[in-house]
């Protein structure tokens, strides 16, 4: 059994409550718009020695002009998409800006038909579409930018016997629950 922390859209700032969730996992996946190598270093440090790898893809904002100069050398090492073998199946990761919002889940299922779960970011909206295989999930924003209800992440537990998802959303500091922007459906 493997526990995978799934996060995205940090834009250079990672909520410490999300980091606490990462610490309970064996490996982590970042769906892009990372914003800084500091975010990747913080995630790797929370996974701890002996834990699994940190996997990350480029987002549309992961460009040299938007990253601190001292971490720009990391950008060419990050893929635009990746696939990871886990117990019981395969996980695909892509930021999502490569496909239009309308019909995104169907398009992603056509791009990655042989996976069990597809992770994307970009919209900053937490989504768990388990209506068909592969599942299409978005962990929402794990930083401070456009969190639509608070910073969030997902945890995937993968085993040969099955896969299970749990979501974690944290209140935005300084806001009462239910305060802020109204959420609208997203795919």
Foldseek 3Di string as FASTA:
>chain_A
DFKEWEAEQALQFFDVVSLVVLLVGQEYEYQENQQEVVSVVSSVVSNPPPGDYYAYAYDPQLACVRYPVVGNVCNVVHHQKDWDDDAQWIEIGHAQPVDDQVCSVVVVCVVCVRTQEYEYEDVLDFDFAPVDPNIYTYQGHRHQPPNQQAHKIKMWDDHSVDIDIDIDGDGDPPDDGPDDDHDDDTD
